[in-house]
């Protein structure tokens, strides 16, 4: 998962926008990208085959609606480590894939799930990259908080996260990677709580490195303090709202680096291409 201080505005609909100014990327180095959302499993397979054949690699992947899964992803045309992109997994199926790829030197860099219990549907990107990590899924809020605290003590950073299940019983999936970056996480915030947290954090020089939306439209966010290229964040978007923001930001030279959806509500981070 990849994410790349002046506050621009808050939109009149349920979507928070922040643009952070920074050095712009060299236009010659800007990656070609392809993005889509709301596609069926069959359409996702078709996009996978086409884009992989054209030399693209996925950088973010999300699934919504366990009864009739819909997928969204962003792909970039650039070199990188070996990767695998898997859709339509049950919880046990995800665990099996995890074990199989772990044995081959891969780790999950994006994990998304929707639904609850044995009916949950998982989607993930695995990459063959070195370094220590640990991962958990199907855990409750208290276990997730304990895992974050343990990770911070041991020098790990939460680099992938997703919330699924139900509003009353959310379940968390996370991947923690060894690293030295300072970070913190807020969990289960409502839209207004997340926006208020966002305003405070950005004034202090922090930014979200990932945002995931959970059942009941709650937001879990990893915050970091570092510089970097210009970026935007939108939350609380409908499918059409996400498409509108996508079109506006593409025209300004931005592309989504992280995308997540749950119960039809989208959240995304954009970086300068």
Protein backbone atom coordinates (compact mmCIF):
# COMPACT_ATOMS: atom_id res chain seq x y z
CA UNK A 1 0.00 0.00 0.00
CA UNK A 2 1.38 3.37 -0.92
CA UNK A 3 0.49 6.77 0.32
CA UNK A 4 2.06 9.71 -0.38
CA UNK A 5 0.20 22.14 5.59
CA UNK A 6 -2.59 24.01 4.22
CA UNK A 7 -6.23 22.99 4.54
CA UNK A 8 -8.23 23.63 1.42
CA UNK A 9 -11.88 23.14 2.35
CA UNK A 10 -14.57 20.79 3.53
CA UNK A 11 -17.17 19.87 0.96
CA UNK A 12 -20.84 20.48 1.48
CA UNK A 13 -21.57 16.76 1.14
CA UNK A 14 -20.25 14.05 3.43
CA UNK A 15 -16.68 14.14 2.17
CA UNK A 16 -13.65 15.72 3.79
CA UNK A 17 -11.02 17.23 1.52
CA UNK A 18 -7.51 18.25 2.40
CA UNK A 19 -4.78 19.24 0.00
CA UNK A 20 -1.27 19.35 1.37
CA UNK A 21 1.27 21.27 -0.64
CA UNK A 22 4.70 19.85 -1.24
CA UNK A 23 7.28 19.32 -3.96
CA UNK A 24 5.73 18.12 -7.20
CA UNK A 25 6.92 14.96 -8.88
CA UNK A 26 8.93 15.01 -12.10
CA UNK A 27 6.34 14.78 -14.86
CA UNK A 28 8.60 12.43 -16.82
CA UNK A 29 8.59 9.97 -13.91
CA UNK A 30 4.82 10.02 -13.44
CA UNK A 31 3.40 6.49 -13.69
CA UNK A 32 0.63 5.61 -16.09
CA UNK A 33 -2.31 4.32 -14.07
CA UNK A 34 -5.67 2.65 -14.48
CA UNK A 35 -8.47 2.68 -11.92
CA UNK A 36 -11.97 1.25 -11.63
CA UNK A 37 -14.57 0.52 -8.98
CA UNK A 38 -17.90 -1.24 -8.54
CA UNK A 39 -17.07 -4.09 -10.95
CA UNK A 40 -18.26 -7.67 -10.58
CA UNK A 41 -15.94 -10.59 -9.94
CA UNK A 42 -16.05 -11.53 -13.61
CA UNK A 43 -15.25 -7.98 -14.68
CA UNK A 44 -12.43 -7.84 -12.12
CA UNK A 45 -10.92 -10.98 -13.64
CA UNK A 46 -11.12 -9.43 -17.11
CA UNK A 47 -9.42 -6.22 -15.90
CA UNK A 48 -6.77 -8.29 -14.16
CA UNK A 49 -5.93 -10.22 -17.30
CA UNK A 50 -5.83 -7.13 -19.51
CA UNK A 51 -3.83 -4.87 -17.21
CA UNK A 52 -1.34 -7.53 -16.18
CA UNK A 53 -0.73 -8.25 -19.86
CA UNK A 54 -0.05 -4.55 -20.45
CA UNK A 55 2.62 -4.38 -17.76
CA UNK A 56 0.56 -2.82 -14.96
CA UNK A 57 0.69 -3.86 -11.30
CA UNK A 58 -2.02 -3.28 -8.62
CA UNK A 59 -1.28 -0.96 -5.71
CA UNK A 60 -4.64 -0.98 -3.91
CA UNK A 61 -7.61 -3.37 -3.99
CA UNK A 62 -10.98 -3.28 -2.24
CA UNK A 63 -14.14 -5.40 -2.07
CA UNK A 64 -17.69 -4.55 -0.94
CA UNK A 65 -21.01 -6.43 -0.61
CA UNK A 66 -20.41 -10.05 0.38
CA UNK A 67 -23.70 -11.21 -1.19
CA UNK A 68 -22.69 -9.90 -4.63
CA UNK A 69 -19.06 -8.79 -4.42
CA UNK A 70 -17.99 -5.59 -6.15
CA UNK A 71 -14.33 -4.71 -6.58
CA UNK A 72 -12.29 -1.57 -6.98
CA UNK A 73 -8.57 -1.20 -7.69
CA UNK A 74 -5.82 1.09 -8.89
CA UNK A 75 -2.98 -0.17 -11.11
CA UNK A 76 0.23 1.58 -12.12
CA UNK A 77 2.59 0.85 -14.97
CA UNK A 78 5.90 0.47 -13.21
CA UNK A 79 8.41 -2.18 -12.27
CA UNK A 80 8.44 -3.81 -8.85
CA UNK A 81 8.61 -7.09 -6.94
CA UNK A 82 6.68 -10.19 -7.94
CA UNK A 83 3.02 -9.94 -6.92
CA UNK A 84 -0.25 -11.84 -6.76
CA UNK A 85 -3.79 -10.43 -6.67
CA UNK A 86 -6.51 -12.71 -5.26
CA UNK A 87 -10.26 -12.10 -5.13
CA UNK A 88 -13.33 -13.89 -3.79
CA UNK A 89 -11.71 -15.64 -0.83
CA UNK A 90 -13.54 -16.92 2.24
CA UNK A 91 -11.84 -16.31 5.62
CA UNK A 92 -10.35 -19.82 5.52
CA UNK A 93 -9.46 -19.36 1.88
CA UNK A 94 -7.59 -16.17 2.70
CA UNK A 95 -5.70 -17.97 5.47
CA UNK A 96 -4.73 -20.74 3.05
CA UNK A 97 -3.51 -18.24 0.46
CA UNK A 98 -1.62 -16.38 3.16
CA UNK A 99 0.15 -19.57 4.25
CA UNK A 100 0.93 -20.59 0.68
CA UNK A 101 2.38 -17.22 -0.30
CA UNK A 102 4.24 -16.80 2.97
CA UNK A 103 6.10 -20.02 2.21
CA UNK A 104 7.17 -18.48 -1.10
CA UNK A 105 8.44 -15.24 0.46
CA UNK A 106 5.37 -13.08 -0.13
CA UNK A 107 3.41 -10.95 2.30
CA UNK A 108 0.05 -9.15 2.01
CA UNK A 109 0.43 -5.45 1.16
CA UNK A 110 -3.31 -4.81 0.76
CA UNK A 111 -6.10 -6.70 2.53
CA UNK A 112 -9.80 -5.95 2.12
CA UNK A 113 -12.85 -7.81 3.42
CA UNK A 114 -16.60 -7.37 3.55
CA UNK A 115 -19.40 -9.27 5.25
CA UNK A 116 -19.25 -11.20 8.50
CA UNK A 117 -18.44 -14.63 9.88
CA UNK A 118 -17.83 -17.46 7.44
CA UNK A 119 -19.68 -15.47 4.76
CA UNK A 120 -17.06 -12.71 4.68
CA UNK A 121 -15.31 -12.18 1.34
CA UNK A 122 -11.61 -11.27 1.16
CA UNK A 123 -9.47 -9.67 -1.53
CA UNK A 124 -5.73 -9.12 -1.24
CA UNK A 125 -2.49 -8.18 -2.95
CA UNK A 126 0.62 -10.17 -2.02
CA UNK A 127 4.13 -8.99 -2.91
CA UNK A 128 7.46 -10.77 -2.72
CA UNK A 129 9.33 -8.33 -0.50
CA UNK A 130 11.84 -8.83 2.28
CA UNK A 131 11.59 -7.67 5.87
CA UNK A 132 9.83 -8.76 9.02
CA UNK A 133 6.07 -8.45 9.41
CA UNK A 134 3.10 -10.00 11.14
CA UNK A 135 -0.57 -10.12 10.18
CA UNK A 136 -3.92 -10.80 11.81
CA UNK A 137 -7.53 -10.95 10.66
CA UNK A 138 -10.91 -11.66 12.23
CA UNK A 139 -9.95 -9.89 15.47
CA UNK A 140 -12.13 -7.57 17.57
CA UNK A 141 -11.48 -3.95 18.49
CA UNK A 142 -9.70 -4.77 21.75
CA UNK A 143 -7.41 -7.28 20.04
CA UNK A 144 -6.69 -4.80 17.27
CA UNK A 145 -5.76 -2.13 19.82
CA UNK A 146 -3.51 -4.60 21.63
CA UNK A 147 -1.83 -5.60 18.35
CA UNK A 148 -1.17 -1.94 17.53
CA UNK A 149 0.33 -1.29 20.95
CA UNK A 150 2.51 -4.40 20.72
CA UNK A 151 3.62 -3.44 17.20
CA UNK A 152 4.64 0.06 18.25
CA UNK A 153 6.66 -1.30 21.18
CA UNK A 154 8.49 -3.74 18.91
CA UNK A 155 9.22 -1.28 16.10
CA UNK A 156 6.51 -2.28 13.63
CA UNK A 157 4.21 0.01 11.62
CA UNK A 158 0.60 -0.70 10.62
CA UNK A 159 0.93 -0.72 6.81
CA UNK A 160 -2.37 -2.34 5.79
CA UNK A 161 -5.72 -2.45 7.56
CA UNK A 162 -9.38 -3.13 6.89
CA UNK A 163 -12.58 -3.22 8.93
CA UNK A 164 -15.48 -5.54 8.10
CA UNK A 165 -18.12 -7.54 10.00
CA UNK A 166 -21.07 -5.54 11.36
CA UNK A 167 -21.49 -2.17 13.04
CA UNK A 168 -22.15 -3.93 16.36
CA UNK A 169 -19.32 -6.45 15.94
CA UNK A 170 -16.61 -5.04 13.67
CA UNK A 171 -13.70 -7.25 12.74
CA UNK A 172 -10.23 -6.07 11.83
CA UNK A 173 -7.52 -7.25 9.46
CA UNK A 174 -4.05 -5.75 9.69
CA UNK A 175 -0.49 -6.11 8.48
CA UNK A 176 2.33 -4.68 10.58
CA UNK A 177 5.75 -4.22 8.97
CA UNK A 178 9.05 -3.56 10.72
CA UNK A 179 10.01 0.10 10.37
CA UNK A 180 11.20 3.17 12.21
CA UNK A 181 8.49 5.66 11.26
CA UNK A 182 6.49 7.18 14.12
CA UNK A 183 2.77 6.47 13.77
CA UNK A 184 -0.51 6.35 15.63
CA UNK A 185 -3.97 5.02 14.85
CA UNK A 186 -7.53 6.16 15.52
CA UNK A 187 -10.28 3.55 15.36
CA UNK A 188 -14.04 3.55 14.82
CA UNK A 189 -14.49 7.29 14.33
CA UNK A 190 -17.70 8.64 12.85
CA UNK A 191 -17.39 10.86 9.80
CA UNK A 192 -17.57 14.05 11.88
CA UNK A 193 -15.14 12.67 14.48
CA UNK A 194 -12.70 11.67 11.78
CA UNK A 195 -12.94 15.10 10.16
CA UNK A 196 -12.32 16.87 13.47
CA UNK A 197 -9.35 14.56 14.15
CA UNK A 198 -8.10 15.27 10.65
CA UNK A 199 -8.14 19.03 11.14
CA UNK A 200 -6.23 18.76 14.41
CA UNK A 201 -3.68 16.29 13.09
CA UNK A 202 -2.90 18.17 9.90
CA UNK A 203 -2.36 21.40 11.86
CA UNK A 204 0.29 19.47 13.79
CA UNK A 205 2.02 18.33 10.61
CA UNK A 206 0.53 14.83 10.47
CA UNK A 207 -1.25 13.15 7.57
CA UNK A 208 -3.12 9.88 6.99
CA UNK A 209 -1.04 7.07 5.50
CA UNK A 210 -4.15 4.91 5.18
CA UNK A 211 -7.86 5.26 5.89
CA UNK A 212 -10.35 2.40 5.95
CA UNK A 213 -14.13 2.68 6.25
CA UNK A 214 -15.97 0.07 8.30
CA UNK A 215 -19.57 -1.04 8.80
CA UNK A 216 -21.82 1.78 9.95
CA UNK A 217 -19.52 4.28 8.18
CA UNK A 218 -16.82 4.46 10.80
CA UNK A 219 -13.24 5.35 9.98
CA UNK A 220 -9.96 3.83 11.12
CA UNK A 221 -6.88 5.85 10.22
CA UNK A 222 -3.11 5.55 10.51
CA UNK A 223 -1.42 8.93 11.05
CA UNK A 224 2.21 9.73 10.30
CA UNK A 225 4.35 12.86 10.33
CA UNK A 226 6.52 13.30 7.26
CA UNK A 227 6.93 15.47 4.20
CA UNK A 228 6.23 14.45 0.65
CA UNK A 229 4.40 15.37 -2.52
CA UNK A 230 1.02 17.08 -2.63
CA UNK A 231 -1.93 14.91 -1.63
CA UNK A 232 -5.68 14.85 -1.16
CA UNK A 233 -8.04 12.88 1.05
CA UNK A 234 -11.76 12.37 0.53
CA UNK A 235 -14.05 10.29 2.75
CA UNK A 236 -17.78 9.58 2.88
CA UNK A 237 -18.19 9.36 -0.89
CA UNK A 238 -20.83 7.49 -2.83
CA UNK A 239 -19.76 5.61 -5.96
CA UNK A 240 -20.68 8.58 -8.15
CA UNK A 241 -19.04 10.95 -5.67
CA UNK A 242 -15.81 9.01 -5.87
CA UNK A 243 -15.95 9.10 -9.67
CA UNK A 244 -16.49 12.86 -9.59
CA UNK A 245 -13.48 13.42 -7.32
CA UNK A 246 -11.43 10.99 -9.38
CA UNK A 247 -12.13 12.95 -12.57
CA UNK A 248 -11.41 16.31 -10.92
CA UNK A 249 -8.13 15.18 -9.41
CA UNK A 250 -6.97 13.31 -12.49
CA UNK A 251 -7.27 16.60 -14.37
CA UNK A 252 -4.96 18.14 -11.76
CA UNK A 253 -2.37 15.36 -12.12
CA UNK A 254 -3.30 13.21 -9.11
CA UNK A 255 -4.04 9.50 -8.88
CA UNK A 256 -5.49 7.38 -6.04
CA UNK A 257 -2.87 5.55 -4.00
CA UNK A 258 -5.33 3.93 -1.59
CA UNK A 259 -8.99 3.08 -2.11
CA UNK A 260 -11.47 1.50 0.29
CA UNK A 261 -15.23 0.93 0.29
CA UNK A 262 -17.70 -0.59 2.73
CA UNK A 263 -21.50 -0.48 2.51
CA UNK A 264 -21.26 1.73 -0.56
CA UNK A 265 -19.17 4.44 1.14
CA UNK A 266 -15.78 5.21 -0.36
CA UNK A 267 -12.61 6.70 1.05
CA UNK A 268 -9.46 7.42 -0.91
CA UNK A 269 -6.06 9.07 -0.77
CA UNK A 270 -4.52 10.71 -3.82
CA UNK A 271 -0.90 11.63 -4.61
CA UNK A 272 0.68 13.71 -7.34
CA UNK A 273 1.42 11.58 -10.38
